[in-house]
Amino acid sequence: MASPFLSGCDADGKNAAMADAFALNRREHKRESTGLQARVTVGDASTKCTIEDISPGGAQIIASLDMSKGRHLTLNLGAFGDVSATVAWCRKGRLGLKFVADPEIMAELVIALAHAG
């Protein structure tokens, strides 16, 4: 049965807040807060972003982008390299990203980023 919390956002954002709470309860990986600066590249366009939190499975970033779910992008982590990801959700300047690479491969990178922040 589909969750009633994932039906969209009303004017005051109550449904979005409930969807966020629902998503937190079903996450597979522990997220680490970072606040690190990075870049997001989509095609030929690139913009600065802040990595709010990150896990081996994905990240939440703050960026001035409005992208559709399923869009592919590259998250440039400076000295840590580039990571391919897919947009899982986009809401009010925040994007939820799902990394393309296997979470086991991403685990070491996440630990390094958490210590860098």
PDB file of N, CA and C in Angstrom:
ATOM      1  N   MET A   1       0.835  -1.183   0.000  1.00  0.00           N
ATOM      2  CA  MET A   1       0.000   0.000   0.000  1.00  0.00           C
ATOM      3  C   MET A   1       0.880   1.247   0.000  1.00  0.00           C
ATOM      4  N   ALA A   2       0.565   2.215  -0.813  1.00  0.00           N
ATOM      5  CA  ALA A   2       1.348   3.445  -0.911  1.00  0.00           C
ATOM      6  C   ALA A   2       1.155   4.295   0.332  1.00  0.00           C
ATOM      7  N   SER A   3       2.212   5.008   0.705  1.00  0.00           N
ATOM      8  CA  SER A   3       2.140   5.872   1.874  1.00  0.00           C
ATOM      9  C   SER A   3       1.321   7.117   1.567  1.00  0.00           C
ATOM     10  N   PRO A   4       0.410   7.519   2.465  1.00  0.00           N
ATOM     11  CA  PRO A   4      -0.347   8.749   2.248  1.00  0.00           C
ATOM     12  C   PRO A   4       0.528   9.983   2.382  1.00  0.00           C
ATOM     13  N   PHE A   5       1.728   9.837   2.951  1.00  0.00           N
ATOM     14  CA  PHE A   5       2.618  10.968   3.146  1.00  0.00           C
ATOM     15  C   PHE A   5       3.337  11.379   1.871  1.00  0.00           C
ATOM     16  N   LEU A   6       3.272  10.585   0.844  1.00  0.00           N
ATOM     17  CA  LEU A   6       4.015  10.869  -0.377  1.00  0.00           C
ATOM     18  C   LEU A   6       3.134  11.414  -1.485  1.00  0.00           C
ATOM     19  N   SER A   7       2.040  12.052  -1.109  1.00  0.00           N
ATOM     20  CA  SER A   7       1.068  12.500  -2.107  1.00  0.00           C
ATOM     21  C   SER A   7       1.289  13.923  -2.596  1.00  0.00           C
ATOM     22  N   GLY A   8       2.375  14.564  -2.220  1.00  0.00           N
ATOM     23  CA  GLY A   8       2.641  15.916  -2.693  1.00  0.00           C
ATOM     24  C   GLY A   8       2.745  16.892  -1.543  1.00  0.00           C
ATOM     25  N   CYS A   9       2.811  18.170  -1.856  1.00  0.00           N
ATOM     26  CA  CYS A   9       3.000  19.204  -0.847  1.00  0.00           C
ATOM     27  C   CYS A   9       1.863  20.205  -0.906  1.00  0.00           C
ATOM     28  N   ASP A  10       1.275  20.500   0.252  1.00  0.00           N
ATOM     29  CA  ASP A  10       0.249  21.533   0.279  1.00  0.00           C
ATOM     30  C   ASP A  10       0.915  22.895   0.472  1.00  0.00           C
ATOM     31  N   ALA A  11       0.141  23.939   0.521  1.00  0.00           N
ATOM     32  CA  ALA A  11       0.665  25.307   0.545  1.00  0.00           C
ATOM     33  C   ALA A  11       1.591  25.570   1.726  1.00  0.00           C
ATOM     34  N   ASP A  12       1.317  24.984   2.893  1.00  0.00           N
ATOM     35  CA  ASP A  12       2.169  25.265   4.043  1.00  0.00           C
ATOM     36  C   ASP A  12       3.240  24.199   4.265  1.00  0.00           C
ATOM     37  N   GLY A  13       3.352  23.230   3.370  1.00  0.00           N
ATOM     38  CA  GLY A  13       4.423  22.251   3.428  1.00  0.00           C
ATOM     39  C   GLY A  13       4.229  21.115   4.407  1.00  0.00           C
ATOM     40  N   LYS A  14       3.029  20.945   4.968  1.00  0.00           N
ATOM     41  CA  LYS A  14       2.811  19.883   5.949  1.00  0.00           C
ATOM     42  C   LYS A  14       3.060  18.504   5.355  1.00  0.00           C
ATOM     43  N   ASN A  15       2.570  18.266   4.146  1.00  0.00           N
ATOM     44  CA  ASN A  15       2.781  16.954   3.531  1.00  0.00           C
ATOM     45  C   ASN A  15       4.257  16.703   3.269  1.00  0.00           C
ATOM     46  N   ALA A  16       4.999  17.733   2.873  1.00  0.00           N
ATOM     47  CA  ALA A  16       6.433  17.571   2.637  1.00  0.00           C
ATOM     48  C   ALA A  16       7.145  17.211   3.933  1.00  0.00           C
ATOM     49  N   ALA A  17       6.771  17.850   5.039  1.00  0.00           N
ATOM     50  CA  ALA A  17       7.381  17.542   6.332  1.00  0.00           C
ATOM     51  C   ALA A  17       7.085  16.106   6.743  1.00  0.00           C
ATOM     52  N   MET A  18       5.865  15.647   6.524  1.00  0.00           N
ATOM     53  CA  MET A  18       5.514  14.268   6.855  1.00  0.00           C
ATOM     54  C   MET A  18       6.272  13.294   5.959  1.00  0.00           C
ATOM     55  N   ALA A  19       6.437  13.641   4.686  1.00  0.00           N
ATOM     56  CA  ALA A  19       7.183  12.780   3.765  1.00  0.00           C
ATOM     57  C   ALA A  19       8.633  12.680   4.207  1.00  0.00           C
ATOM     58  N   ASP A  20       9.219  13.812   4.664  1.00  0.00           N
ATOM     59  CA  ASP A  20      10.588  13.785   5.160  1.00  0.00           C
ATOM     60  C   ASP A  20      10.709  12.871   6.370  1.00  0.00           C
ATOM     61  N   ALA A  21       9.767  12.969   7.301  1.00  0.00           N
ATOM     62  CA  ALA A  21       9.783  12.122   8.493  1.00  0.00           C
ATOM     63  C   ALA A  21       9.646  10.655   8.106  1.00  0.00           C
ATOM     64  N   PHE A  22       8.776  10.360   7.157  1.00  0.00           N
ATOM     65  CA  PHE A  22       8.590   8.991   6.682  1.00  0.00           C
ATOM     66  C   PHE A  22       9.885   8.474   6.064  1.00  0.00           C
ATOM     67  N   ALA A  23      10.537   9.300   5.242  1.00  0.00           N
ATOM     68  CA  ALA A  23      11.776   8.896   4.582  1.00  0.00           C
ATOM     69  C   ALA A  23      12.875   8.621   5.599  1.00  0.00           C
ATOM     70  N   LEU A  24      12.968   9.432   6.652  1.00  0.00           N
ATOM     71  CA  LEU A  24      13.979   9.214   7.678  1.00  0.00           C
ATOM     72  C   LEU A  24      13.825   7.849   8.326  1.00  0.00           C
ATOM     73  N   ASN A  25      12.600   7.411   8.505  1.00  0.00           N
ATOM     74  CA  ASN A  25      12.345   6.138   9.161  1.00  0.00           C
ATOM     75  C   ASN A  25      12.647   4.941   8.274  1.00  0.00           C
ATOM     76  N   ARG A  26      12.793   5.126   6.971  1.00  0.00           N
ATOM     77  CA  ARG A  26      13.027   3.985   6.094  1.00  0.00           C
ATOM     78  C   ARG A  26      14.422   3.988   5.469  1.00  0.00           C
ATOM     79  N   ARG A  27      15.305   4.872   5.908  1.00  0.00           N
ATOM     80  CA  ARG A  27      16.647   4.939   5.345  1.00  0.00           C
ATOM     81  C   ARG A  27      17.462   3.715   5.729  1.00  0.00           C
ATOM     82  N   GLU A  28      18.247   3.235   4.776  1.00  0.00           N
ATOM     83  CA  GLU A  28      19.097   2.071   5.012  1.00  0.00           C
ATOM     84  C   GLU A  28      20.401   2.444   5.706  1.00  0.00           C
ATOM     85  N   HIS A  29      20.915   3.640   5.441  1.00  0.00           N
ATOM     86  CA  HIS A  29      22.246   4.019   5.889  1.00  0.00           C
ATOM     87  C   HIS A  29      22.194   5.224   6.822  1.00  0.00           C
ATOM     88  N   LYS A  30      23.085   5.221   7.815  1.00  0.00           N
ATOM     89  CA  LYS A  30      23.199   6.353   8.730  1.00  0.00           C
ATOM     90  C   LYS A  30      23.779   7.543   7.965  1.00  0.00           C
ATOM     91  N   ARG A  31      23.174   8.704   8.161  1.00  0.00           N
ATOM     92  CA  ARG A  31      23.646   9.918   7.497  1.00  0.00           C
ATOM     93  C   ARG A  31      24.568  10.697   8.425  1.00  0.00           C
ATOM     94  N   GLU A  32      25.582  11.306   7.824  1.00  0.00           N
ATOM     95  CA  GLU A  32      26.536  12.141   8.548  1.00  0.00           C
ATOM     96  C   GLU A  32      26.353  13.582   8.099  1.00  0.00           C
ATOM     97  N   SER A  33      26.203  14.504   9.046  1.00  0.00           N
ATOM     98  CA  SER A  33      26.117  15.932   8.721  1.00  0.00           C
ATOM     99  C   SER A  33      27.498  16.415   8.309  1.00  0.00           C
ATOM    100  N   THR A  34      27.557  17.262   7.265  1.00  0.00           N
ATOM    101  CA  THR A  34      28.867  17.729   6.817  1.00  0.00           C
ATOM    102  C   THR A  34      28.955  19.241   6.670  1.00  0.00           C
ATOM    103  N   GLY A  35      28.039  19.855   5.957  1.00  0.00           N
ATOM    104  CA  GLY A  35      28.136  21.283   5.669  1.00  0.00           C
ATOM    105  C   GLY A  35      29.251  21.616   4.688  1.00  0.00           C
ATOM    106  N   LEU A  36      29.789  20.607   4.004  1.00  0.00           N
ATOM    107  CA  LEU A  36      30.891  20.818   3.064  1.00  0.00           C
ATOM    108  C   LEU A  36      30.413  21.464   1.764  1.00  0.00           C
ATOM    109  N   GLN A  37      31.297  22.248   1.162  1.00  0.00           N
ATOM    110  CA  GLN A  37      31.016  22.866  -0.128  1.00  0.00           C
ATOM    111  C   GLN A  37      31.420  21.902  -1.240  1.00  0.00           C
ATOM    112  N   ALA A  38      30.641  21.880  -2.303  1.00  0.00           N
ATOM    113  CA  ALA A  38      30.909  21.012  -3.453  1.00  0.00           C
ATOM    114  C   ALA A  38      30.345  21.692  -4.696  1.00  0.00           C
ATOM    115  N   ARG A  39      30.364  20.980  -5.817  1.00  0.00           N
ATOM    116  CA  ARG A  39      29.761  21.469  -7.056  1.00  0.00           C
ATOM    117  C   ARG A  39      28.881  20.375  -7.633  1.00  0.00           C
ATOM    118  N   VAL A  40      27.791  20.800  -8.253  1.00  0.00           N
ATOM    119  CA  VAL A  40      26.892  19.887  -8.949  1.00  0.00           C
ATOM    120  C   VAL A  40      27.004  20.200 -10.432  1.00  0.00           C
ATOM    121  N   THR A  41      27.175  19.162 -11.246  1.00  0.00           N
ATOM    122  CA  THR A  41      27.255  19.336 -12.691  1.00  0.00           C
ATOM    123  C   THR A  41      26.162  18.517 -13.355  1.00  0.00           C
ATOM    124  N   VAL A  42      25.404  19.200 -14.217  1.00  0.00           N
ATOM    125  CA  VAL A  42      24.365  18.554 -15.013  1.00  0.00           C
ATOM    126  C   VAL A  42      24.631  18.973 -16.452  1.00  0.00           C
ATOM    127  N   GLY A  43      25.046  18.024 -17.277  1.00  0.00           N
ATOM    128  CA  GLY A  43      25.406  18.373 -18.651  1.00  0.00           C
ATOM    129  C   GLY A  43      26.584  19.328 -18.651  1.00  0.00           C
ATOM    130  N   ASP A  44      26.421  20.485 -19.299  1.00  0.00           N
ATOM    131  CA  ASP A  44      27.480  21.489 -19.357  1.00  0.00           C
ATOM    132  C   ASP A  44      27.376  22.516 -18.237  1.00  0.00           C
ATOM    133  N   ALA A  45      26.302  22.488 -17.467  1.00  0.00           N
ATOM    134  CA  ALA A  45      26.081  23.472 -16.404  1.00  0.00           C
ATOM    135  C   ALA A  45      26.621  22.965 -15.070  1.00  0.00           C
ATOM    136  N   SER A  46      27.193  23.888 -14.295  1.00  0.00           N
ATOM    137  CA  SER A  46      27.743  23.547 -12.990  1.00  0.00           C
ATOM    138  C   SER A  46      27.422  24.669 -12.011  1.00  0.00           C
ATOM    139  N   THR A  47      27.132  24.305 -10.756  1.00  0.00           N
ATOM    140  CA  THR A  47      26.843  25.305  -9.737  1.00  0.00           C
ATOM    141  C   THR A  47      27.339  24.823  -8.380  1.00  0.00           C
ATOM    142  N   LYS A  48      27.587  25.775  -7.484  1.00  0.00           N
ATOM    143  CA  LYS A  48      28.015  25.444  -6.126  1.00  0.00           C
ATOM    144  C   LYS A  48      26.853  24.842  -5.349  1.00  0.00           C
ATOM    145  N   CYS A  49      27.207  24.014  -4.375  1.00  0.00           N
ATOM    146  CA  CYS A  49      26.196  23.458  -3.482  1.00  0.00           C
ATOM    147  C   CYS A  49      26.828  23.203  -2.118  1.00  0.00           C
ATOM    148  N   THR A  50      25.988  22.958  -1.138  1.00  0.00           N
ATOM    149  CA  THR A  50      26.424  22.561   0.195  1.00  0.00           C
ATOM    150  C   THR A  50      25.891  21.168   0.459  1.00  0.00           C
ATOM    151  N   ILE A  51      26.763  20.280   0.909  1.00  0.00           N
ATOM    152  CA  ILE A  51      26.329  18.933   1.268  1.00  0.00           C
ATOM    153  C   ILE A  51      25.825  18.989   2.702  1.00  0.00           C
ATOM    154  N   GLU A  52      24.522  18.921   2.862  1.00  0.00           N
ATOM    155  CA  GLU A  52      23.889  18.984   4.183  1.00  0.00           C
ATOM    156  C   GLU A  52      24.212  17.716   4.976  1.00  0.00           C
ATOM    157  N   ASP A  53      23.983  16.570   4.356  1.00  0.00           N
ATOM    158  CA  ASP A  53      24.342  15.298   4.978  1.00  0.00           C
ATOM    159  C   ASP A  53      24.616  14.272   3.891  1.00  0.00           C
ATOM    160  N   ILE A  54      25.317  13.211   4.300  1.00  0.00           N
ATOM    161  CA  ILE A  54      25.739  12.203   3.328  1.00  0.00           C
ATOM    162  C   ILE A  54      25.745  10.831   3.985  1.00  0.00           C
ATOM    163  N   SER A  55      25.483   9.818   3.190  1.00  0.00           N
ATOM    164  CA  SER A  55      25.545   8.429   3.645  1.00  0.00           C
ATOM    165  C   SER A  55      26.109   7.602   2.495  1.00  0.00           C
ATOM    166  N   PRO A  56      26.418   6.329   2.728  1.00  0.00           N
ATOM    167  CA  PRO A  56      26.899   5.502   1.620  1.00  0.00           C
ATOM    168  C   PRO A  56      25.895   5.378   0.472  1.00  0.00           C
ATOM    169  N   GLY A  57      24.618   5.630   0.732  1.00  0.00           N
ATOM    170  CA  GLY A  57      23.599   5.498  -0.304  1.00  0.00           C
ATOM    171  C   GLY A  57      23.249   6.774  -1.032  1.00  0.00           C
ATOM    172  N   GLY A  58      23.574   7.937  -0.438  1.00  0.00           N
ATOM    173  CA  GLY A  58      23.195   9.188  -1.075  1.00  0.00           C
ATOM    174  C   GLY A  58      23.523  10.394  -0.227  1.00  0.00           C
ATOM    175  N   ALA A  59      22.973  11.542  -0.612  1.00  0.00           N
ATOM    176  CA  ALA A  59      23.247  12.788   0.094  1.00  0.00           C
ATOM    177  C   ALA A  59      22.069  13.735  -0.054  1.00  0.00           C
ATOM    178  N   GLN A  60      22.015  14.688   0.862  1.00  0.00           N
ATOM    179  CA  GLN A  60      21.081  15.803   0.738  1.00  0.00           C
ATOM    180  C   GLN A  60      21.938  17.042   0.509  1.00  0.00           C
ATOM    181  N   ILE A  61      21.647  17.770  -0.562  1.00  0.00           N
ATOM    182  CA  ILE A  61      22.413  18.972  -0.852  1.00  0.00           C
ATOM    183  C   ILE A  61      21.491  20.184  -0.907  1.00  0.00           C
ATOM    184  N   ILE A  62      22.100  21.340  -0.698  1.00  0.00           N
ATOM    185  CA  ILE A  62      21.399  22.610  -0.845  1.00  0.00           C
ATOM    186  C   ILE A  62      22.007  23.286  -2.067  1.00  0.00           C
ATOM    187  N   ALA A  63      21.168  23.577  -3.058  1.00  0.00           N
ATOM    188  CA  ALA A  63      21.650  24.182  -4.304  1.00  0.00           C
ATOM    189  C   ALA A  63      20.518  24.946  -4.965  1.00  0.00           C
ATOM    190  N   SER A  64      20.882  25.936  -5.751  1.00  0.00           N
ATOM    191  CA  SER A  64      19.863  26.715  -6.466  1.00  0.00           C
ATOM    192  C   SER A  64      19.514  26.009  -7.768  1.00  0.00           C
ATOM    193  N   LEU A  65      18.958  24.817  -7.631  1.00  0.00           N
ATOM    194  CA  LEU A  65      18.549  24.001  -8.772  1.00  0.00           C
ATOM    195  C   LEU A  65      17.118  23.539  -8.565  1.00  0.00           C
ATOM    196  N   ASP A  66      16.403  23.404  -9.634  1.00  0.00           N
ATOM    197  CA  ASP A  66      15.072  22.803  -9.585  1.00  0.00           C
ATOM    198  C   ASP A  66      15.082  21.685 -10.612  1.00  0.00           C
ATOM    199  N   MET A  67      15.311  20.480 -10.142  1.00  0.00           N
ATOM    200  CA  MET A  67      15.475  19.352 -11.048  1.00  0.00           C
ATOM    201  C   MET A  67      14.406  18.303 -10.809  1.00  0.00           C
ATOM    202  N   SER A  68      14.112  17.560 -11.834  1.00  0.00           N
ATOM    203  CA  SER A  68      13.099  16.518 -11.718  1.00  0.00           C
ATOM    204  C   SER A  68      13.700  15.227 -11.171  1.00  0.00           C
ATOM    205  N   LYS A  69      12.854  14.464 -10.509  1.00  0.00           N
ATOM    206  CA  LYS A  69      13.236  13.164  -9.967  1.00  0.00           C
ATOM    207  C   LYS A  69      13.736  12.281 -11.108  1.00  0.00           C
ATOM    208  N   GLY A  70      14.821  11.549 -10.845  1.00  0.00           N
ATOM    209  CA  GLY A  70      15.374  10.647 -11.842  1.00  0.00           C
ATOM    210  C   GLY A  70      16.476  11.246 -12.697  1.00  0.00           C
ATOM    211  N   ARG A  71      16.686  12.558 -12.614  1.00  0.00           N
ATOM    212  CA  ARG A  71      17.722  13.233 -13.411  1.00  0.00           C
ATOM    213  C   ARG A  71      19.107  12.826 -12.925  1.00  0.00           C
ATOM    214  N   HIS A  72      20.013  12.556 -13.841  1.00  0.00           N
ATOM    215  CA  HIS A  72      21.380  12.174 -13.492  1.00  0.00           C
ATOM    216  C   HIS A  72      22.247  13.418 -13.382  1.00  0.00           C
ATOM    217  N   LEU A  73      23.185  13.403 -12.422  1.00  0.00           N
ATOM    218  CA  LEU A  73      24.106  14.514 -12.232  1.00  0.00           C
ATOM    219  C   LEU A  73      25.411  13.996 -11.654  1.00  0.00           C
ATOM    220  N   THR A  74      26.393  14.900 -11.568  1.00  0.00           N
ATOM    221  CA  THR A  74      27.679  14.575 -10.961  1.00  0.00           C
ATOM    222  C   THR A  74      27.902  15.517  -9.792  1.00  0.00           C
ATOM    223  N   LEU A  75      28.262  14.962  -8.659  1.00  0.00           N
ATOM    224  CA  LEU A  75      28.597  15.737  -7.471  1.00  0.00           C
ATOM    225  C   LEU A  75      30.113  15.763  -7.382  1.00  0.00           C
ATOM    226  N   ASN A  76      30.719  16.964  -7.544  1.00  0.00           N
ATOM    227  CA  ASN A  76      32.167  17.105  -7.496  1.00  0.00           C
ATOM    228  C   ASN A  76      32.572  17.415  -6.066  1.00  0.00           C
ATOM    229  N   LEU A  77      33.361  16.519  -5.479  1.00  0.00           N
ATOM    230  CA  LEU A  77      33.761  16.634  -4.081  1.00  0.00           C
ATOM    231  C   LEU A  77      35.198  17.111  -3.927  1.00  0.00           C
ATOM    232  N   GLY A  78      35.682  17.878  -4.900  1.00  0.00           N
ATOM    233  CA  GLY A  78      37.037  18.419  -4.830  1.00  0.00           C
ATOM    234  C   GLY A  78      38.081  17.314  -4.788  1.00  0.00           C
ATOM    235  N   ALA A  79      38.921  17.311  -3.755  1.00  0.00           N
ATOM    236  CA  ALA A  79      40.000  16.330  -3.617  1.00  0.00           C
ATOM    237  C   ALA A  79      39.485  14.899  -3.488  1.00  0.00           C
ATOM    238  N   PHE A  80      38.211  14.740  -3.138  1.00  0.00           N
ATOM    239  CA  PHE A  80      37.632  13.405  -2.976  1.00  0.00           C
ATOM    240  C   PHE A  80      37.099  12.837  -4.292  1.00  0.00           C
ATOM    241  N   GLY A  81      37.089  13.643  -5.344  1.00  0.00           N
ATOM    242  CA  GLY A  81      36.669  13.167  -6.662  1.00  0.00           C
ATOM    243  C   GLY A  81      35.219  13.447  -6.999  1.00  0.00           C
ATOM    244  N   ASP A  82      34.766  12.845  -8.081  1.00  0.00           N
ATOM    245  CA  ASP A  82      33.402  13.018  -8.586  1.00  0.00           C
ATOM    246  C   ASP A  82      32.565  11.784  -8.272  1.00  0.00           C
ATOM    247  N   VAL A  83      31.287  12.017  -7.979  1.00  0.00           N
ATOM    248  CA  VAL A  83      30.358  10.934  -7.675  1.00  0.00           C
ATOM    249  C   VAL A  83      29.129  11.092  -8.560  1.00  0.00           C
ATOM    250  N   SER A  84      28.752  10.034  -9.256  1.00  0.00           N
ATOM    251  CA  SER A  84      27.533  10.049 -10.071  1.00  0.00           C
ATOM    252  C   SER A  84      26.335   9.775  -9.177  1.00  0.00           C
ATOM    253  N   ALA A  85      25.246  10.492  -9.444  1.00  0.00           N
ATOM    254  CA  ALA A  85      24.044  10.342  -8.624  1.00  0.00           C
ATOM    255  C   ALA A  85      22.795  10.579  -9.459  1.00  0.00           C
ATOM    256  N   THR A  86      21.676  10.187  -8.889  1.00  0.00           N
ATOM    257  CA  THR A  86      20.360  10.408  -9.472  1.00  0.00           C
ATOM    258  C   THR A  86      19.533  11.194  -8.466  1.00  0.00           C
ATOM    259  N   VAL A  87      18.740  12.149  -8.938  1.00  0.00           N
ATOM    260  CA  VAL A  87      17.885  12.941  -8.052  1.00  0.00           C
ATOM    261  C   VAL A  87      16.736  12.056  -7.559  1.00  0.00           C
ATOM    262  N   ALA A  88      16.643  11.899  -6.241  1.00  0.00           N
ATOM    263  CA  ALA A  88      15.561  11.125  -5.627  1.00  0.00           C
ATOM    264  C   ALA A  88      14.372  12.023  -5.322  1.00  0.00           C
ATOM    265  N   TRP A  89      14.655  13.291  -4.960  1.00  0.00           N
ATOM    266  CA  TRP A  89      13.607  14.275  -4.708  1.00  0.00           C
ATOM    267  C   TRP A  89      14.216  15.669  -4.783  1.00  0.00           C
ATOM    268  N   CYS A  90      13.373  16.671  -4.988  1.00  0.00           N
ATOM    269  CA  CYS A  90      13.803  18.069  -5.064  1.00  0.00           C
ATOM    270  C   CYS A  90      12.713  18.931  -4.454  1.00  0.00           C
ATOM    271  N   ARG A  91      13.098  19.764  -3.472  1.00  0.00           N
ATOM    272  CA  ARG A  91      12.109  20.558  -2.769  1.00  0.00           C
ATOM    273  C   ARG A  91      12.746  21.816  -2.176  1.00  0.00           C
ATOM    274  N   LYS A  92      12.289  22.979  -2.597  1.00  0.00           N
ATOM    275  CA  LYS A  92      12.692  24.265  -2.022  1.00  0.00           C
ATOM    276  C   LYS A  92      14.205  24.420  -1.858  1.00  0.00           C
ATOM    277  N   GLY A  93      14.953  24.221  -2.948  1.00  0.00           N
ATOM    278  CA  GLY A  93      16.397  24.422  -2.911  1.00  0.00           C
ATOM    279  C   GLY A  93      17.188  23.275  -2.310  1.00  0.00           C
ATOM    280  N   ARG A  94      16.529  22.193  -1.982  1.00  0.00           N
ATOM    281  CA  ARG A  94      17.197  21.002  -1.443  1.00  0.00           C
ATOM    282  C   ARG A  94      16.959  19.838  -2.392  1.00  0.00           C
ATOM    283  N   LEU A  95      17.992  19.036  -2.566  1.00  0.00           N
ATOM    284  CA  LEU A  95      17.876  17.848  -3.412  1.00  0.00           C
ATOM    285  C   LEU A  95      18.338  16.627  -2.641  1.00  0.00           C
ATOM    286  N   GLY A  96      17.589  15.557  -2.776  1.00  0.00           N
ATOM    287  CA  GLY A  96      18.003  14.271  -2.245  1.00  0.00           C
ATOM    288  C   GLY A  96      18.620  13.487  -3.383  1.00  0.00           C
ATOM    289  N   LEU A  97      19.847  13.025  -3.184  1.00  0.00           N
ATOM    290  CA  LEU A  97      20.563  12.300  -4.226  1.00  0.00           C
ATOM    291  C   LEU A  97      20.752  10.842  -3.840  1.00  0.00           C
ATOM    292  N   LYS A  98      20.643   9.970  -4.813  1.00  0.00           N
ATOM    293  CA  LYS A  98      20.940   8.547  -4.636  1.00  0.00           C
ATOM    294  C   LYS A  98      22.181   8.262  -5.464  1.00  0.00           C
ATOM    295  N   PHE A  99      23.242   7.803  -4.797  1.00  0.00           N
ATOM    296  CA  PHE A  99      24.479   7.523  -5.508  1.00  0.00           C
ATOM    297  C   PHE A  99      24.324   6.310  -6.416  1.00  0.00           C
ATOM    298  N   VAL A 100      24.985   6.375  -7.577  1.00  0.00           N
ATOM    299  CA  VAL A 100      24.946   5.280  -8.537  1.00  0.00           C
ATOM    300  C   VAL A 100      25.829   4.124  -8.053  1.00  0.00           C
ATOM    301  N   ALA A 101      26.975   4.447  -7.441  1.00  0.00           N
ATOM    302  CA  ALA A 101      27.918   3.426  -6.974  1.00  0.00           C
ATOM    303  C   ALA A 101      27.337   2.624  -5.816  1.00  0.00           C
ATOM    304  N   ASP A 102      27.829   1.411  -5.665  1.00  0.00           N
ATOM    305  CA  ASP A 102      27.424   0.524  -4.582  1.00  0.00           C
ATOM    306  C   ASP A 102      27.728   1.185  -3.230  1.00  0.00           C
ATOM    307  N   PRO A 103      26.794   1.141  -2.277  1.00  0.00           N
ATOM    308  CA  PRO A 103      27.018   1.747  -0.960  1.00  0.00           C
ATOM    309  C   PRO A 103      28.271   1.234  -0.251  1.00  0.00           C
ATOM    310  N   GLU A 104      28.640  -0.012  -0.470  1.00  0.00           N
ATOM    311  CA  GLU A 104      29.858  -0.537   0.162  1.00  0.00           C
ATOM    312  C   GLU A 104      31.090   0.198  -0.347  1.00  0.00           C
ATOM    313  N   ILE A 105      31.078   0.561  -1.623  1.00  0.00           N
ATOM    314  CA  ILE A 105      32.189   1.317  -2.205  1.00  0.00           C
ATOM    315  C   ILE A 105      32.190   2.741  -1.653  1.00  0.00           C
ATOM    316  N   MET A 106      31.019   3.311  -1.456  1.00  0.00           N
ATOM    317  CA  MET A 106      30.890   4.697  -0.998  1.00  0.00           C
ATOM    318  C   MET A 106      31.177   4.867   0.496  1.00  0.00           C
ATOM    319  N   ALA A 107      31.137   3.797   1.272  1.00  0.00           N
ATOM    320  CA  ALA A 107      31.278   3.896   2.727  1.00  0.00           C
ATOM    321  C   ALA A 107      32.577   4.580   3.145  1.00  0.00           C
ATOM    322  N   GLU A 108      33.702   4.225   2.536  1.00  0.00           N
ATOM    323  CA  GLU A 108      34.980   4.841   2.893  1.00  0.00           C
ATOM    324  C   GLU A 108      34.987   6.327   2.570  1.00  0.00           C
ATOM    325  N   LEU A 109      34.430   6.697   1.436  1.00  0.00           N
ATOM    326  CA  LEU A 109      34.356   8.106   1.050  1.00  0.00           C
ATOM    327  C   LEU A 109      33.531   8.892   2.062  1.00  0.00           C
ATOM    328  N   VAL A 110      32.418   8.335   2.485  1.00  0.00           N
ATOM    329  CA  VAL A 110      31.549   9.013   3.451  1.00  0.00           C
ATOM    330  C   VAL A 110      32.284   9.230   4.769  1.00  0.00           C
ATOM    331  N   ILE A 111      33.023   8.237   5.223  1.00  0.00           N
ATOM    332  CA  ILE A 111      33.790   8.378   6.467  1.00  0.00           C
ATOM    333  C   ILE A 111      34.817   9.494   6.322  1.00  0.00           C
ATOM    334  N   ALA A 112      35.525   9.529   5.194  1.00  0.00           N
ATOM    335  CA  ALA A 112      36.524  10.573   4.955  1.00  0.00           C
ATOM    336  C   ALA A 112      35.882  11.954   4.915  1.00  0.00           C
ATOM    337  N   LEU A 113      34.739  12.084   4.241  1.00  0.00           N
ATOM    338  CA  LEU A 113      34.045  13.374   4.167  1.00  0.00           C
ATOM    339  C   LEU A 113      33.545  13.813   5.540  1.00  0.00           C
ATOM    340  N   ALA A 114      33.035  12.884   6.326  1.00  0.00           N
ATOM    341  CA  ALA A 114      32.533  13.222   7.661  1.00  0.00           C
ATOM    342  C   ALA A 114      33.661  13.756   8.538  1.00  0.00           C
ATOM    343  N   HIS A 115      34.852  13.202   8.401  1.00  0.00           N
ATOM    344  CA  HIS A 115      35.992  13.672   9.187  1.00  0.00           C
ATOM    345  C   HIS A 115      36.551  14.985   8.648  1.00  0.00           C
ATOM    346  N   ALA A 116      36.354  15.247   7.356  1.00  0.00           N
ATOM    347  CA  ALA A 116      36.834  16.495   6.751  1.00  0.00           C
ATOM    348  C   ALA A 116      35.963  17.676   7.157  1.00  0.00           C
ATOM    349  N   GLY A 117      34.683  17.407   7.443  1.00  0.00           N
ATOM    350  CA  GLY A 117      33.734  18.466   7.778  1.00  0.00           C
ATOM    351  C   GLY A 117      33.865  18.850   9.192  1.00  0.00           C
TER     352      GLY A 117
END
